[in-house]
Amino acid sequence: MTNKKARDVVDALGIRDTDRSITEIKESWARFNKMGKHLDALCKEMGTGALFWLHRELSANFVLNIMNNSGDTFNAAIQHLHDLGLKEKAESYGNLLGDNVRLYMARQFQIDAIRKKQ
């Protein structure tokens, strides 16, 4: 994230524009981006409903510092989740809700971005 983008976020949120607030926005953005990539990889393999089944295990610390989104460790974890039947559970009891939550959130951010431009 560039300083200009960070300043735009600070302006949009009404936060006092300081170097510290810019740094915090950039660090948060990087953290959320990493978490999103890891969770997206999980959802692509298991379905969005898997997040409801795994919510107690997916702490920020785990997602940021332990979880991967590719490689041998990721593949082994996905295979273990397949062996436990998580994909089938997610398909039966959560993907529709997970997909709708994800779509709703994406729409909210898009609407906010459009409003900011007007």
PDB file of N, CA and C in Angstrom:
ATOM      1  N   MET A   1       0.852  -1.173   0.000  1.00  0.00           N
ATOM      2  CA  MET A   1       0.000   0.000   0.000  1.00  0.00           C
ATOM      3  C   MET A   1       0.896   1.233   0.000  1.00  0.00           C
ATOM      4  N   THR A   2       0.585   2.151  -0.876  1.00  0.00           N
ATOM      5  CA  THR A   2       1.370   3.376  -0.962  1.00  0.00           C
ATOM      6  C   THR A   2       0.942   4.360   0.117  1.00  0.00           C
ATOM      7  N   ASN A   3       1.777   5.356   0.373  1.00  0.00           N
ATOM      8  CA  ASN A   3       1.413   6.395   1.339  1.00  0.00           C
ATOM      9  C   ASN A   3       0.148   7.122   0.905  1.00  0.00           C
ATOM     10  N   LYS A   4      -0.015   7.358  -0.404  1.00  0.00           N
ATOM     11  CA  LYS A   4      -1.210   8.057  -0.889  1.00  0.00           C
ATOM     12  C   LYS A   4      -2.464   7.243  -0.585  1.00  0.00           C
ATOM     13  N   LYS A   5      -2.422   5.924  -0.861  1.00  0.00           N
ATOM     14  CA  LYS A   5      -3.576   5.077  -0.562  1.00  0.00           C
ATOM     15  C   LYS A   5      -3.862   5.064   0.936  1.00  0.00           C
ATOM     16  N   ALA A   6      -2.809   4.987   1.727  1.00  0.00           N
ATOM     17  CA  ALA A   6      -2.980   5.001   3.186  1.00  0.00           C
ATOM     18  C   ALA A   6      -3.594   6.327   3.630  1.00  0.00           C
ATOM     19  N   ARG A   7      -3.152   7.426   3.052  1.00  0.00           N
ATOM     20  CA  ARG A   7      -3.725   8.735   3.392  1.00  0.00           C
ATOM     21  C   ARG A   7      -5.186   8.814   2.973  1.00  0.00           C
ATOM     22  N   ASP A   8      -5.537   8.206   1.841  1.00  0.00           N
ATOM     23  CA  ASP A   8      -6.938   8.167   1.411  1.00  0.00           C
ATOM     24  C   ASP A   8      -7.793   7.407   2.421  1.00  0.00           C
ATOM     25  N   VAL A   9      -7.256   6.307   2.940  1.00  0.00           N
ATOM     26  CA  VAL A   9      -7.979   5.536   3.958  1.00  0.00           C
ATOM     27  C   VAL A   9      -8.140   6.369   5.222  1.00  0.00           C
ATOM     28  N   VAL A  10      -7.075   7.034   5.632  1.00  0.00           N
ATOM     29  CA  VAL A  10      -7.122   7.888   6.822  1.00  0.00           C
ATOM     30  C   VAL A  10      -8.177   8.976   6.640  1.00  0.00           C
ATOM     31  N   ASP A  11      -8.197   9.599   5.474  1.00  0.00           N
ATOM     32  CA  ASP A  11      -9.195  10.640   5.192  1.00  0.00           C
ATOM     33  C   ASP A  11     -10.610  10.069   5.225  1.00  0.00           C
ATOM     34  N   ALA A  12     -10.804   8.914   4.584  1.00  0.00           N
ATOM     35  CA  ALA A  12     -12.127   8.300   4.523  1.00  0.00           C
ATOM     36  C   ALA A  12     -12.645   7.920   5.908  1.00  0.00           C
ATOM     37  N   LEU A  13     -11.740   7.501   6.789  1.00  0.00           N
ATOM     38  CA  LEU A  13     -12.135   7.099   8.142  1.00  0.00           C
ATOM     39  C   LEU A  13     -12.205   8.266   9.119  1.00  0.00           C
ATOM     40  N   GLY A  14     -11.735   9.430   8.678  1.00  0.00           N
ATOM     41  CA  GLY A  14     -11.756  10.600   9.552  1.00  0.00           C
ATOM     42  C   GLY A  14     -10.732  10.543  10.664  1.00  0.00           C
ATOM     43  N   ILE A  15      -9.657   9.826  10.455  1.00  0.00           N
ATOM     44  CA  ILE A  15      -8.594   9.705  11.449  1.00  0.00           C
ATOM     45  C   ILE A  15      -7.641  10.878  11.291  1.00  0.00           C
ATOM     46  N   ARG A  16      -7.092  11.357  12.402  1.00  0.00           N
ATOM     47  CA  ARG A  16      -6.105  12.425  12.326  1.00  0.00           C
ATOM     48  C   ARG A  16      -4.912  11.965  11.496  1.00  0.00           C
ATOM     49  N   ASP A  17      -4.556  12.739  10.511  1.00  0.00           N
ATOM     50  CA  ASP A  17      -3.495  12.376   9.566  1.00  0.00           C
ATOM     51  C   ASP A  17      -2.127  12.629  10.190  1.00  0.00           C
ATOM     52  N   THR A  18      -1.496  11.536  10.629  1.00  0.00           N
ATOM     53  CA  THR A  18      -0.143  11.621  11.173  1.00  0.00           C
ATOM     54  C   THR A  18       0.689  10.516  10.544  1.00  0.00           C
ATOM     55  N   ASP A  19       1.988  10.620  10.642  1.00  0.00           N
ATOM     56  CA  ASP A  19       2.848   9.558  10.124  1.00  0.00           C
ATOM     57  C   ASP A  19       2.555   8.231  10.818  1.00  0.00           C
ATOM     58  N   ARG A  20       2.209   8.309  12.108  1.00  0.00           N
ATOM     59  CA  ARG A  20       1.907   7.086  12.849  1.00  0.00           C
ATOM     60  C   ARG A  20       0.635   6.432  12.311  1.00  0.00           C
ATOM     61  N   SER A  21      -0.399   7.221  12.037  1.00  0.00           N
ATOM     62  CA  SER A  21      -1.638   6.636  11.520  1.00  0.00           C
ATOM     63  C   SER A  21      -1.416   6.030  10.140  1.00  0.00           C
ATOM     64  N   ILE A  22      -0.583   6.665   9.320  1.00  0.00           N
ATOM     65  CA  ILE A  22      -0.263   6.122   8.005  1.00  0.00           C
ATOM     66  C   ILE A  22       0.462   4.783   8.155  1.00  0.00           C
ATOM     67  N   THR A  23       1.429   4.711   9.048  1.00  0.00           N
ATOM     68  CA  THR A  23       2.173   3.472   9.293  1.00  0.00           C
ATOM     69  C   THR A  23       1.239   2.372   9.786  1.00  0.00           C
ATOM     70  N   GLU A  24       0.339   2.706  10.719  1.00  0.00           N
ATOM     71  CA  GLU A  24      -0.589   1.715  11.253  1.00  0.00           C
ATOM     72  C   GLU A  24      -1.529   1.188  10.177  1.00  0.00           C
ATOM     73  N   ILE A  25      -2.018   2.058   9.303  1.00  0.00           N
ATOM     74  CA  ILE A  25      -2.896   1.632   8.215  1.00  0.00           C
ATOM     75  C   ILE A  25      -2.141   0.683   7.288  1.00  0.00           C
ATOM     76  N   LYS A  26      -0.919   1.036   6.935  1.00  0.00           N
ATOM     77  CA  LYS A  26      -0.134   0.191   6.032  1.00  0.00           C
ATOM     78  C   LYS A  26       0.148  -1.170   6.658  1.00  0.00           C
ATOM     79  N   GLU A  27       0.482  -1.199   7.946  1.00  0.00           N
ATOM     80  CA  GLU A  27       0.755  -2.470   8.629  1.00  0.00           C
ATOM     81  C   GLU A  27      -0.509  -3.318   8.720  1.00  0.00           C
ATOM     82  N   SER A  28      -1.627  -2.686   9.033  1.00  0.00           N
ATOM     83  CA  SER A  28      -2.898  -3.414   9.106  1.00  0.00           C
ATOM     84  C   SER A  28      -3.267  -3.975   7.744  1.00  0.00           C
ATOM     85  N   TRP A  29      -3.087  -3.163   6.711  1.00  0.00           N
ATOM     86  CA  TRP A  29      -3.409  -3.605   5.351  1.00  0.00           C
ATOM     87  C   TRP A  29      -2.587  -4.847   4.989  1.00  0.00           C
ATOM     88  N   ALA A  30      -1.306  -4.823   5.291  1.00  0.00           N
ATOM     89  CA  ALA A  30      -0.437  -5.967   4.990  1.00  0.00           C
ATOM     90  C   ALA A  30      -0.886  -7.206   5.766  1.00  0.00           C
ATOM     91  N   ARG A  31      -1.252  -7.016   7.028  1.00  0.00           N
ATOM     92  CA  ARG A  31      -1.703  -8.130   7.874  1.00  0.00           C
ATOM     93  C   ARG A  31      -3.006  -8.721   7.326  1.00  0.00           C
ATOM     94  N   PHE A  32      -3.976  -7.845   7.000  1.00  0.00           N
ATOM     95  CA  PHE A  32      -5.257  -8.321   6.472  1.00  0.00           C
ATOM     96  C   PHE A  32      -5.084  -8.986   5.108  1.00  0.00           C
ATOM     97  N   ASN A  33      -4.180  -8.467   4.297  1.00  0.00           N
ATOM     98  CA  ASN A  33      -3.910  -9.044   2.985  1.00  0.00           C
ATOM     99  C   ASN A  33      -3.361 -10.465   3.128  1.00  0.00           C
ATOM    100  N   LYS A  34      -2.425 -10.649   4.051  1.00  0.00           N
ATOM    101  CA  LYS A  34      -1.847 -11.981   4.279  1.00  0.00           C
ATOM    102  C   LYS A  34      -2.911 -12.944   4.804  1.00  0.00           C
ATOM    103  N   MET A  35      -3.707 -12.487   5.757  1.00  0.00           N
ATOM    104  CA  MET A  35      -4.767 -13.336   6.299  1.00  0.00           C
ATOM    105  C   MET A  35      -5.756 -13.717   5.201  1.00  0.00           C
ATOM    106  N   GLY A  36      -6.113 -12.737   4.377  1.00  0.00           N
ATOM    107  CA  GLY A  36      -7.063 -12.990   3.305  1.00  0.00           C
ATOM    108  C   GLY A  36      -6.564 -14.023   2.311  1.00  0.00           C
ATOM    109  N   LYS A  37      -5.287 -13.948   1.967  1.00  0.00           N
ATOM    110  CA  LYS A  37      -4.718 -14.927   1.035  1.00  0.00           C
ATOM    111  C   LYS A  37      -4.758 -16.334   1.619  1.00  0.00           C
ATOM    112  N   HIS A  38      -4.442 -16.460   2.891  1.00  0.00           N
ATOM    113  CA  HIS A  38      -4.450 -17.770   3.528  1.00  0.00           C
ATOM    114  C   HIS A  38      -5.871 -18.328   3.623  1.00  0.00           C
ATOM    115  N   LEU A  39      -6.811 -17.489   4.047  1.00  0.00           N
ATOM    116  CA  LEU A  39      -8.189 -17.954   4.185  1.00  0.00           C
ATOM    117  C   LEU A  39      -8.820 -18.226   2.823  1.00  0.00           C
ATOM    118  N   ASP A  40      -8.480 -17.423   1.820  1.00  0.00           N
ATOM    119  CA  ASP A  40      -8.997 -17.646   0.476  1.00  0.00           C
ATOM    120  C   ASP A  40      -8.523 -18.997  -0.071  1.00  0.00           C
ATOM    121  N   ALA A  41      -7.261 -19.335   0.164  1.00  0.00           N
ATOM    122  CA  ALA A  41      -6.736 -20.629  -0.289  1.00  0.00           C
ATOM    123  C   ALA A  41      -7.501 -21.777   0.375  1.00  0.00           C
ATOM    124  N   LEU A  42      -7.784 -21.640   1.658  1.00  0.00           N
ATOM    125  CA  LEU A  42      -8.560 -22.651   2.376  1.00  0.00           C
ATOM    126  C   LEU A  42      -9.962 -22.762   1.779  1.00  0.00           C
ATOM    127  N   CYS A  43     -10.592 -21.629   1.530  1.00  0.00           N
ATOM    128  CA  CYS A  43     -11.951 -21.635   0.977  1.00  0.00           C
ATOM    129  C   CYS A  43     -11.998 -22.223  -0.429  1.00  0.00           C
ATOM    130  N   LYS A  44     -10.968 -21.984  -1.215  1.00  0.00           N
ATOM    131  CA  LYS A  44     -10.934 -22.560  -2.562  1.00  0.00           C
ATOM    132  C   LYS A  44     -10.875 -24.080  -2.509  1.00  0.00           C
ATOM    133  N   GLU A  45     -10.221 -24.613  -1.523  1.00  0.00           N
ATOM    134  CA  GLU A  45     -10.093 -26.066  -1.383  1.00  0.00           C
ATOM    135  C   GLU A  45     -11.298 -26.707  -0.700  1.00  0.00           C
ATOM    136  N   MET A  46     -11.810 -26.049   0.347  1.00  0.00           N
ATOM    137  CA  MET A  46     -12.811 -26.677   1.196  1.00  0.00           C
ATOM    138  C   MET A  46     -14.203 -26.039   1.105  1.00  0.00           C
ATOM    139  N   GLY A  47     -14.294 -24.850   0.529  1.00  0.00           N
ATOM    140  CA  GLY A  47     -15.554 -24.114   0.490  1.00  0.00           C
ATOM    141  C   GLY A  47     -15.619 -23.094   1.610  1.00  0.00           C
ATOM    142  N   THR A  48     -16.382 -22.032   1.391  1.00  0.00           N
ATOM    143  CA  THR A  48     -16.469 -20.966   2.397  1.00  0.00           C
ATOM    144  C   THR A  48     -17.102 -21.440   3.695  1.00  0.00           C
ATOM    145  N   GLY A  49     -17.930 -22.455   3.613  1.00  0.00           N
ATOM    146  CA  GLY A  49     -18.555 -22.993   4.821  1.00  0.00           C
ATOM    147  C   GLY A  49     -17.560 -23.587   5.795  1.00  0.00           C
ATOM    148  N   ALA A  50     -16.377 -23.953   5.312  1.00  0.00           N
ATOM    149  CA  ALA A  50     -15.352 -24.516   6.197  1.00  0.00           C
ATOM    150  C   ALA A  50     -14.960 -23.533   7.297  1.00  0.00           C
ATOM    151  N   LEU A  51     -15.045 -22.245   7.001  1.00  0.00           N
ATOM    152  CA  LEU A  51     -14.686 -21.239   8.010  1.00  0.00           C
ATOM    153  C   LEU A  51     -15.582 -21.326   9.235  1.00  0.00           C
ATOM    154  N   PHE A  52     -16.858 -21.681   9.034  1.00  0.00           N
ATOM    155  CA  PHE A  52     -17.765 -21.825  10.176  1.00  0.00           C
ATOM    156  C   PHE A  52     -17.382 -23.025  11.035  1.00  0.00           C
ATOM    157  N   TRP A  53     -16.916 -24.092  10.404  1.00  0.00           N
ATOM    158  CA  TRP A  53     -16.513 -25.283  11.137  1.00  0.00           C
ATOM    159  C   TRP A  53     -15.185 -25.092  11.852  1.00  0.00           C
ATOM    160  N   LEU A  54     -14.323 -24.248  11.303  1.00  0.00           N
ATOM    161  CA  LEU A  54     -12.970 -24.079  11.845  1.00  0.00           C
ATOM    162  C   LEU A  54     -12.776 -22.776  12.634  1.00  0.00           C
ATOM    163  N   HIS A  55     -13.839 -22.062  12.902  1.00  0.00           N
ATOM    164  CA  HIS A  55     -13.694 -20.717  13.486  1.00  0.00           C
ATOM    165  C   HIS A  55     -12.898 -20.698  14.795  1.00  0.00           C
ATOM    166  N   ARG A  56     -12.965 -21.726  15.586  1.00  0.00           N
ATOM    167  CA  ARG A  56     -12.212 -21.731  16.850  1.00  0.00           C
ATOM    168  C   ARG A  56     -10.717 -21.945  16.629  1.00  0.00           C
ATOM    169  N   GLU A  57     -10.362 -22.601  15.549  1.00  0.00           N
ATOM    170  CA  GLU A  57      -8.957 -22.876  15.270  1.00  0.00           C
ATOM    171  C   GLU A  57      -8.278 -21.750  14.488  1.00  0.00           C
ATOM    172  N   LEU A  58      -9.051 -20.899  13.833  1.00  0.00           N
ATOM    173  CA  LEU A  58      -8.489 -19.887  12.930  1.00  0.00           C
ATOM    174  C   LEU A  58      -8.281 -18.543  13.629  1.00  0.00           C
ATOM    175  N   SER A  59      -7.495 -18.545  14.681  1.00  0.00           N
ATOM    176  CA  SER A  59      -7.166 -17.283  15.354  1.00  0.00           C
ATOM    177  C   SER A  59      -6.272 -16.448  14.440  1.00  0.00           C
ATOM    178  N   ALA A  60      -6.207 -15.161  14.698  1.00  0.00           N
ATOM    179  CA  ALA A  60      -5.345 -14.285  13.903  1.00  0.00           C
ATOM    180  C   ALA A  60      -3.899 -14.763  13.975  1.00  0.00           C
ATOM    181  N   ASN A  61      -3.451 -15.166  15.143  1.00  0.00           N
ATOM    182  CA  ASN A  61      -2.080 -15.658  15.300  1.00  0.00           C
ATOM    183  C   ASN A  61      -1.839 -16.886  14.425  1.00  0.00           C
ATOM    184  N   PHE A  62      -2.779 -17.823  14.438  1.00  0.00           N
ATOM    185  CA  PHE A  62      -2.624 -19.034  13.630  1.00  0.00           C
ATOM    186  C   PHE A  62      -2.587 -18.697  12.144  1.00  0.00           C
ATOM    187  N   VAL A  63      -3.545 -17.887  11.696  1.00  0.00           N
ATOM    188  CA  VAL A  63      -3.630 -17.568  10.263  1.00  0.00           C
ATOM    189  C   VAL A  63      -2.398 -16.787   9.800  1.00  0.00           C
ATOM    190  N   LEU A  64      -1.917 -15.863  10.623  1.00  0.00           N
ATOM    191  CA  LEU A  64      -0.773 -15.036  10.226  1.00  0.00           C
ATOM    192  C   LEU A  64       0.571 -15.743  10.350  1.00  0.00           C
ATOM    193  N   ASN A  65       0.741 -16.541  11.391  1.00  0.00           N
ATOM    194  CA  ASN A  65       2.075 -17.051  11.714  1.00  0.00           C
ATOM    195  C   ASN A  65       2.288 -18.549  11.499  1.00  0.00           C
ATOM    196  N   ILE A  66       1.222 -19.317  11.365  1.00  0.00           N
ATOM    197  CA  ILE A  66       1.370 -20.759  11.244  1.00  0.00           C
ATOM    198  C   ILE A  66       0.821 -21.265   9.907  1.00  0.00           C
ATOM    199  N   MET A  67      -0.344 -20.782   9.545  1.00  0.00           N
ATOM    200  CA  MET A  67      -1.024 -21.247   8.336  1.00  0.00           C
ATOM    201  C   MET A  67      -0.288 -20.808   7.072  1.00  0.00           C
ATOM    202  N   ASN A  68      -0.275 -21.682   6.079  1.00  0.00           N
ATOM    203  CA  ASN A  68       0.280 -21.372   4.767  1.00  0.00           C
ATOM    204  C   ASN A  68      -0.853 -21.361   3.754  1.00  0.00           C
ATOM    205  N   ASN A  69      -0.568 -20.874   2.552  1.00  0.00           N
ATOM    206  CA  ASN A  69      -1.573 -20.950   1.496  1.00  0.00           C
ATOM    207  C   ASN A  69      -1.084 -21.772   0.299  1.00  0.00           C
ATOM    208  N   SER A  70       0.041 -22.447   0.475  1.00  0.00           N
ATOM    209  CA  SER A  70       0.559 -23.331  -0.566  1.00  0.00           C
ATOM    210  C   SER A  70       1.687 -24.169   0.026  1.00  0.00           C
ATOM    211  N   GLY A  71       2.153 -25.132  -0.749  1.00  0.00           N
ATOM    212  CA  GLY A  71       3.294 -25.941  -0.320  1.00  0.00           C
ATOM    213  C   GLY A  71       2.885 -27.245   0.335  1.00  0.00           C
ATOM    214  N   ASP A  72       3.894 -28.001   0.743  1.00  0.00           N
ATOM    215  CA  ASP A  72       3.671 -29.337   1.295  1.00  0.00           C
ATOM    216  C   ASP A  72       2.858 -29.324   2.584  1.00  0.00           C
ATOM    217  N   THR A  73       3.135 -28.372   3.465  1.00  0.00           N
ATOM    218  CA  THR A  73       2.406 -28.301   4.736  1.00  0.00           C
ATOM    219  C   THR A  73       0.943 -27.989   4.487  1.00  0.00           C
ATOM    220  N   PHE A  74       0.683 -27.043   3.589  1.00  0.00           N
ATOM    221  CA  PHE A  74      -0.696 -26.695   3.233  1.00  0.00           C
ATOM    222  C   PHE A  74      -1.402 -27.914   2.634  1.00  0.00           C
ATOM    223  N   ASN A  75      -0.751 -28.581   1.698  1.00  0.00           N
ATOM    224  CA  ASN A  75      -1.363 -29.739   1.046  1.00  0.00           C
ATOM    225  C   ASN A  75      -1.666 -30.848   2.043  1.00  0.00           C
ATOM    226  N   ALA A  76      -0.762 -31.073   2.991  1.00  0.00           N
ATOM    227  CA  ALA A  76      -0.992 -32.091   4.020  1.00  0.00           C
ATOM    228  C   ALA A  76      -2.174 -31.708   4.914  1.00  0.00           C
ATOM    229  N   ALA A  77      -2.266 -30.431   5.259  1.00  0.00           N
ATOM    230  CA  ALA A  77      -3.380 -29.970   6.093  1.00  0.00           C
ATOM    231  C   ALA A  77      -4.706 -30.122   5.349  1.00  0.00           C
ATOM    232  N   ILE A  78      -4.712 -29.758   4.070  1.00  0.00           N
ATOM    233  CA  ILE A  78      -5.927 -29.901   3.268  1.00  0.00           C
ATOM    234  C   ILE A  78      -6.325 -31.373   3.157  1.00  0.00           C
ATOM    235  N   GLN A  79      -5.356 -32.248   2.952  1.00  0.00           N
ATOM    236  CA  GLN A  79      -5.660 -33.675   2.876  1.00  0.00           C
ATOM    237  C   GLN A  79      -6.254 -34.173   4.188  1.00  0.00           C
ATOM    238  N   HIS A  80      -5.706 -33.721   5.304  1.00  0.00           N
ATOM    239  CA  HIS A  80      -6.235 -34.102   6.616  1.00  0.00           C
ATOM    240  C   HIS A  80      -7.683 -33.634   6.770  1.00  0.00           C
ATOM    241  N   LEU A  81      -7.960 -32.395   6.341  1.00  0.00           N
ATOM    242  CA  LEU A  81      -9.327 -31.875   6.422  1.00  0.00           C
ATOM    243  C   LEU A  81     -10.263 -32.663   5.504  1.00  0.00           C
ATOM    244  N   HIS A  82      -9.775 -33.058   4.323  1.00  0.00           N
ATOM    245  CA  HIS A  82     -10.569 -33.923   3.438  1.00  0.00           C
ATOM    246  C   HIS A  82     -10.877 -35.239   4.125  1.00  0.00           C
ATOM    247  N   ASP A  83      -9.849 -35.824   4.758  1.00  0.00           N
ATOM    248  CA  ASP A  83     -10.027 -37.105   5.447  1.00  0.00           C
ATOM    249  C   ASP A  83     -11.060 -37.009   6.570  1.00  0.00           C
ATOM    250  N   LEU A  84     -11.152 -35.844   7.187  1.00  0.00           N
ATOM    251  CA  LEU A  84     -12.134 -35.627   8.255  1.00  0.00           C
ATOM    252  C   LEU A  84     -13.540 -35.353   7.713  1.00  0.00           C
ATOM    253  N   GLY A  85     -13.645 -35.179   6.389  1.00  0.00           N
ATOM    254  CA  GLY A  85     -14.952 -34.923   5.781  1.00  0.00           C
ATOM    255  C   GLY A  85     -15.392 -33.477   5.851  1.00  0.00           C
ATOM    256  N   LEU A  86     -14.456 -32.567   6.046  1.00  0.00           N
ATOM    257  CA  LEU A  86     -14.833 -31.159   6.204  1.00  0.00           C
ATOM    258  C   LEU A  86     -15.475 -30.574   4.949  1.00  0.00           C
ATOM    259  N   LYS A  87     -14.969 -30.936   3.793  1.00  0.00           N
ATOM    260  CA  LYS A  87     -15.523 -30.376   2.554  1.00  0.00           C
ATOM    261  C   LYS A  87     -16.999 -30.745   2.414  1.00  0.00           C
ATOM    262  N   GLU A  88     -17.337 -31.973   2.701  1.00  0.00           N
ATOM    263  CA  GLU A  88     -18.724 -32.409   2.611  1.00  0.00           C
ATOM    264  C   GLU A  88     -19.597 -31.696   3.639  1.00  0.00           C
ATOM    265  N   LYS A  89     -19.069 -31.511   4.850  1.00  0.00           N
ATOM    266  CA  LYS A  89     -19.818 -30.781   5.870  1.00  0.00           C
ATOM    267  C   LYS A  89     -20.040 -29.339   5.445  1.00  0.00           C
ATOM    268  N   ALA A  90     -19.009 -28.735   4.901  1.00  0.00           N
ATOM    269  CA  ALA A  90     -19.124 -27.349   4.449  1.00  0.00           C
ATOM    270  C   ALA A  90     -20.157 -27.228   3.338  1.00  0.00           C
ATOM    271  N   GLU A  91     -20.149 -28.187   2.402  1.00  0.00           N
ATOM    272  CA  GLU A  91     -21.109 -28.156   1.304  1.00  0.00           C
ATOM    273  C   GLU A  91     -22.533 -28.338   1.810  1.00  0.00           C
ATOM    274  N   SER A  92     -22.713 -29.179   2.817  1.00  0.00           N
ATOM    275  CA  SER A  92     -24.048 -29.449   3.345  1.00  0.00           C
ATOM    276  C   SER A  92     -24.556 -28.364   4.278  1.00  0.00           C
ATOM    277  N   TYR A  93     -23.647 -27.761   5.038  1.00  0.00           N
ATOM    278  CA  TYR A  93     -24.098 -26.900   6.125  1.00  0.00           C
ATOM    279  C   TYR A  93     -23.469 -25.520   6.186  1.00  0.00           C
ATOM    280  N   GLY A  94     -22.906 -25.016   5.122  1.00  0.00           N
ATOM    281  CA  GLY A  94     -22.305 -23.707   5.319  1.00  0.00           C
ATOM    282  C   GLY A  94     -21.898 -22.925   4.100  1.00  0.00           C
ATOM    283  N   ASN A  95     -21.683 -23.572   2.969  1.00  0.00           N
ATOM    284  CA  ASN A  95     -21.175 -22.833   1.822  1.00  0.00           C
ATOM    285  C   ASN A  95     -22.134 -21.749   1.350  1.00  0.00           C
ATOM    286  N   LEU A  96     -23.423 -22.035   1.338  1.00  0.00           N
ATOM    287  CA  LEU A  96     -24.383 -21.029   0.889  1.00  0.00           C
ATOM    288  C   LEU A  96     -24.314 -19.791   1.781  1.00  0.00           C
ATOM    289  N   LEU A  97     -24.299 -20.002   3.080  1.00  0.00           N
ATOM    290  CA  LEU A  97     -24.180 -18.872   4.007  1.00  0.00           C
ATOM    291  C   LEU A  97     -22.834 -18.173   3.846  1.00  0.00           C
ATOM    292  N   GLY A  98     -21.756 -18.941   3.777  1.00  0.00           N
ATOM    293  CA  GLY A  98     -20.428 -18.353   3.612  1.00  0.00           C
ATOM    294  C   GLY A  98     -20.310 -17.543   2.336  1.00  0.00           C
ATOM    295  N   ASP A  99     -20.837 -18.078   1.248  1.00  0.00           N
ATOM    296  CA  ASP A  99     -20.789 -17.351  -0.028  1.00  0.00           C
ATOM    297  C   ASP A  99     -21.587 -16.055   0.051  1.00  0.00           C
ATOM    298  N   ASN A 100     -22.746 -16.103   0.714  1.00  0.00           N
ATOM    299  CA  ASN A 100     -23.559 -14.895   0.840  1.00  0.00           C
ATOM    300  C   ASN A 100     -22.904 -13.842   1.727  1.00  0.00           C
ATOM    301  N   VAL A 101     -22.270 -14.266   2.801  1.00  0.00           N
ATOM    302  CA  VAL A 101     -21.548 -13.327   3.666  1.00  0.00           C
ATOM    303  C   VAL A 101     -20.414 -12.670   2.882  1.00  0.00           C
ATOM    304  N   ARG A 102     -19.668 -13.470   2.155  1.00  0.00           N
ATOM    305  CA  ARG A 102     -18.545 -12.950   1.369  1.00  0.00           C
ATOM    306  C   ARG A 102     -19.042 -11.960   0.305  1.00  0.00           C
ATOM    307  N   LEU A 103     -20.125 -12.292  -0.379  1.00  0.00           N
ATOM    308  CA  LEU A 103     -20.695 -11.410  -1.395  1.00  0.00           C
ATOM    309  C   LEU A 103     -21.189 -10.110  -0.768  1.00  0.00           C
ATOM    310  N   TYR A 104     -21.862 -10.214   0.374  1.00  0.00           N
ATOM    311  CA  TYR A 104     -22.360  -9.027   1.059  1.00  0.00           C
ATOM    312  C   TYR A 104     -21.207  -8.090   1.436  1.00  0.00           C
ATOM    313  N   MET A 105     -20.150  -8.658   1.991  1.00  0.00           N
ATOM    314  CA  MET A 105     -19.003  -7.830   2.389  1.00  0.00           C
ATOM    315  C   MET A 105     -18.349  -7.172   1.174  1.00  0.00           C
ATOM    316  N   ALA A 106     -18.206  -7.914   0.091  1.00  0.00           N
ATOM    317  CA  ALA A 106     -17.610  -7.341  -1.122  1.00  0.00           C
ATOM    318  C   ALA A 106     -18.459  -6.197  -1.650  1.00  0.00           C
ATOM    319  N   ARG A 107     -19.765  -6.366  -1.612  1.00  0.00           N
ATOM    320  CA  ARG A 107     -20.663  -5.287  -2.076  1.00  0.00           C
ATOM    321  C   ARG A 107     -20.533  -4.056  -1.198  1.00  0.00           C
ATOM    322  N   GLN A 108     -20.416  -4.260   0.111  1.00  0.00           N
ATOM    323  CA  GLN A 108     -20.306  -3.107   1.015  1.00  0.00           C
ATOM    324  C   GLN A 108     -19.056  -2.301   0.719  1.00  0.00           C
ATOM    325  N   PHE A 109     -17.953  -2.974   0.517  1.00  0.00           N
ATOM    326  CA  PHE A 109     -16.710  -2.265   0.226  1.00  0.00           C
ATOM    327  C   PHE A 109     -16.792  -1.562  -1.121  1.00  0.00           C
ATOM    328  N   GLN A 110     -17.422  -2.191  -2.087  1.00  0.00           N
ATOM    329  CA  GLN A 110     -17.560  -1.580  -3.407  1.00  0.00           C
ATOM    330  C   GLN A 110     -18.441  -0.337  -3.309  1.00  0.00           C
ATOM    331  N   ILE A 111     -19.531  -0.421  -2.582  1.00  0.00           N
ATOM    332  CA  ILE A 111     -20.413   0.732  -2.428  1.00  0.00           C
ATOM    333  C   ILE A 111     -19.678   1.866  -1.730  1.00  0.00           C
ATOM    334  N   ASP A 112     -18.931   1.555  -0.675  1.00  0.00           N
ATOM    335  CA  ASP A 112     -18.173   2.586   0.020  1.00  0.00           C
ATOM    336  C   ASP A 112     -17.156   3.240  -0.906  1.00  0.00           C
ATOM    337  N   ALA A 113     -16.506   2.442  -1.750  1.00  0.00           N
ATOM    338  CA  ALA A 113     -15.518   2.998  -2.686  1.00  0.00           C
ATOM    339  C   ALA A 113     -16.201   3.916  -3.685  1.00  0.00           C
ATOM    340  N   ILE A 114     -17.381   3.523  -4.151  1.00  0.00           N
ATOM    341  CA  ILE A 114     -18.127   4.367  -5.106  1.00  0.00           C
ATOM    342  C   ILE A 114     -18.563   5.661  -4.432  1.00  0.00           C
ATOM    343  N   ARG A 115     -19.050   5.584  -3.215  1.00  0.00           N
ATOM    344  CA  ARG A 115     -19.475   6.794  -2.494  1.00  0.00           C
ATOM    345  C   ARG A 115     -18.313   7.747  -2.295  1.00  0.00           C
ATOM    346  N   LYS A 116     -17.146   7.210  -1.976  1.00  0.00           N
ATOM    347  CA  LYS A 116     -15.957   8.062  -1.761  1.00  0.00           C
ATOM    348  C   LYS A 116     -15.600   8.827  -3.023  1.00  0.00           C
ATOM    349  N   LYS A 117     -15.792   8.218  -4.204  1.00  0.00           N
ATOM    350  CA  LYS A 117     -15.440   8.864  -5.463  1.00  0.00           C
ATOM    351  C   LYS A 117     -16.427   9.978  -5.828  1.00  0.00           C
ATOM    352  N   GLN A 118     -17.653   9.919  -5.329  1.00  0.00           N
ATOM    353  CA  GLN A 118     -18.671  10.911  -5.708  1.00  0.00           C
ATOM    354  C   GLN A 118     -18.489  12.217  -4.997  1.00  0.00           C
TER     355      GLN A 118
END
